Amino acid sequence: MTEVFIVFPVHCPVCKQEWTSRRTKGEILDALDHNKPIRAYAECHDWHWDLNDSERAELSRRARSAG
């Protein structure tokens, strides 16, 4: 069975440049359902961070509606 990937935009916390991130639907739903952090990365500043509540809510809508 093929994994479904969710592609979503993230914005660098330093300069606000938009980057694209992707995770499997299973990874995202597991993190959301078990209150685990969802990491994001921006190449421009080599910066890693956890998605905030509003970013998680948007990602939840995307993941739960994805096939």
C-alpha atoms as a PDB file:
ATOM      1  CA  MET A   1       0.000   0.000   0.000  1.00  0.00           C
ATOM      2  CA  THR A   2       1.301   3.462  -0.890  1.00  0.00           C
ATOM      3  CA  GLU A   3       1.650   6.062   1.841  1.00  0.00           C
ATOM      4  CA  VAL A   4      -0.280   9.292   1.375  1.00  0.00           C
ATOM      5  CA  PHE A   5       1.975  12.318   1.780  1.00  0.00           C
ATOM      6  CA  ILE A   6       0.639  15.683   2.883  1.00  0.00           C
ATOM      7  CA  VAL A   7       2.560  18.625   1.446  1.00  0.00           C
ATOM      8  CA  PHE A   8       2.119  21.878   3.334  1.00  0.00           C
ATOM      9  CA  PRO A   9       3.688  25.338   3.469  1.00  0.00           C
ATOM     10  CA  VAL A  10       5.720  26.521   6.451  1.00  0.00           C
ATOM     11  CA  HIS A  11       7.183  29.969   7.033  1.00  0.00           C
ATOM     12  CA  CYS A  12      10.627  30.577   8.448  1.00  0.00           C
ATOM     13  CA  PRO A  13      10.251  32.152  11.901  1.00  0.00           C
ATOM     14  CA  VAL A  14      13.272  34.372  11.200  1.00  0.00           C
ATOM     15  CA  CYS A  15      12.543  35.878   7.764  1.00  0.00           C
ATOM     16  CA  LYS A  16       9.012  34.568   6.954  1.00  0.00           C
ATOM     17  CA  GLN A  17      10.167  32.956   3.689  1.00  0.00           C
ATOM     18  CA  GLU A  18       7.824  30.147   2.663  1.00  0.00           C
ATOM     19  CA  TRP A  19       9.108  26.591   2.397  1.00  0.00           C
ATOM     20  CA  THR A  20       7.382  23.329   1.599  1.00  0.00           C
ATOM     21  CA  SER A  21       7.313  20.500   4.097  1.00  0.00           C
ATOM     22  CA  ARG A  22       5.867  17.025   3.793  1.00  0.00           C
ATOM     23  CA  ARG A  23       4.973  14.196   6.120  1.00  0.00           C
ATOM     24  CA  THR A  24       2.928  11.051   5.707  1.00  0.00           C
ATOM     25  CA  LYS A  25      -0.710  11.288   6.647  1.00  0.00           C
ATOM     26  CA  GLY A  26      -0.084   8.607   9.276  1.00  0.00           C
ATOM     27  CA  GLU A  27       2.767  10.578  10.886  1.00  0.00           C
ATOM     28  CA  ILE A  28       0.654  13.722  11.017  1.00  0.00           C
ATOM     29  CA  LEU A  29      -2.452  12.046  12.439  1.00  0.00           C
ATOM     30  CA  ASP A  30      -0.387  10.198  15.043  1.00  0.00           C
ATOM     31  CA  ALA A  31       1.277  13.439  16.162  1.00  0.00           C
ATOM     32  CA  LEU A  32      -2.047  15.282  16.278  1.00  0.00           C
ATOM     33  CA  ASP A  33      -3.929  12.505  18.077  1.00  0.00           C
ATOM     34  CA  HIS A  34      -1.182  11.977  20.675  1.00  0.00           C
ATOM     35  CA  ASN A  35      -0.160  15.623  21.123  1.00  0.00           C
ATOM     36  CA  LYS A  36       3.356  15.016  19.775  1.00  0.00           C
ATOM     37  CA  PRO A  37       5.372  17.851  18.238  1.00  0.00           C
ATOM     38  CA  ILE A  38       5.413  18.249  14.467  1.00  0.00           C
ATOM     39  CA  ARG A  39       8.791  19.541  13.331  1.00  0.00           C
ATOM     40  CA  ALA A  40       9.314  21.961  10.457  1.00  0.00           C
ATOM     41  CA  TYR A  41      12.486  23.131   8.743  1.00  0.00           C
ATOM     42  CA  ALA A  42      13.505  26.213   6.762  1.00  0.00           C
ATOM     43  CA  GLU A  43      16.681  26.045   4.683  1.00  0.00           C
ATOM     44  CA  CYS A  44      17.178  29.805   4.569  1.00  0.00           C
ATOM     45  CA  HIS A  45      18.309  29.943   8.205  1.00  0.00           C
ATOM     46  CA  ASP A  46      18.887  26.218   8.780  1.00  0.00           C
ATOM     47  CA  TRP A  47      16.114  26.499  11.370  1.00  0.00           C
ATOM     48  CA  HIS A  48      14.046  23.715  12.956  1.00  0.00           C
ATOM     49  CA  TRP A  49      10.930  24.369  15.049  1.00  0.00           C
ATOM     50  CA  ASP A  50       7.706  22.764  16.208  1.00  0.00           C
ATOM     51  CA  LEU A  51       4.490  23.860  14.540  1.00  0.00           C
ATOM     52  CA  ASN A  52       2.371  26.155  16.697  1.00  0.00           C
ATOM     53  CA  ASP A  53      -1.302  25.602  17.510  1.00  0.00           C
ATOM     54  CA  SER A  54      -2.672  27.468  14.488  1.00  0.00           C
ATOM     55  CA  GLU A  55      -0.272  25.678  12.116  1.00  0.00           C
ATOM     56  CA  ARG A  56      -1.280  22.344  13.666  1.00  0.00           C
ATOM     57  CA  ALA A  57      -4.974  23.190  13.237  1.00  0.00           C
ATOM     58  CA  GLU A  58      -4.480  23.983   9.545  1.00  0.00           C
ATOM     59  CA  LEU A  59      -2.442  20.821   9.037  1.00  0.00           C
ATOM     60  CA  SER A  60      -5.144  18.817  10.817  1.00  0.00           C
ATOM     61  CA  ARG A  61      -7.762  20.103   8.358  1.00  0.00           C
ATOM     62  CA  ARG A  62      -5.538  19.154   5.421  1.00  0.00           C
ATOM     63  CA  ALA A  63      -4.639  15.715   6.745  1.00  0.00           C
ATOM     64  CA  ARG A  64      -8.143  14.702   7.784  1.00  0.00           C
ATOM     65  CA  SER A  65      -9.585  15.680   4.398  1.00  0.00           C
ATOM     66  CA  ALA A  66      -6.795  14.053   2.333  1.00  0.00           C
ATOM     67  CA  GLY A  67      -7.478  10.768   0.599  1.00  0.00           C
END
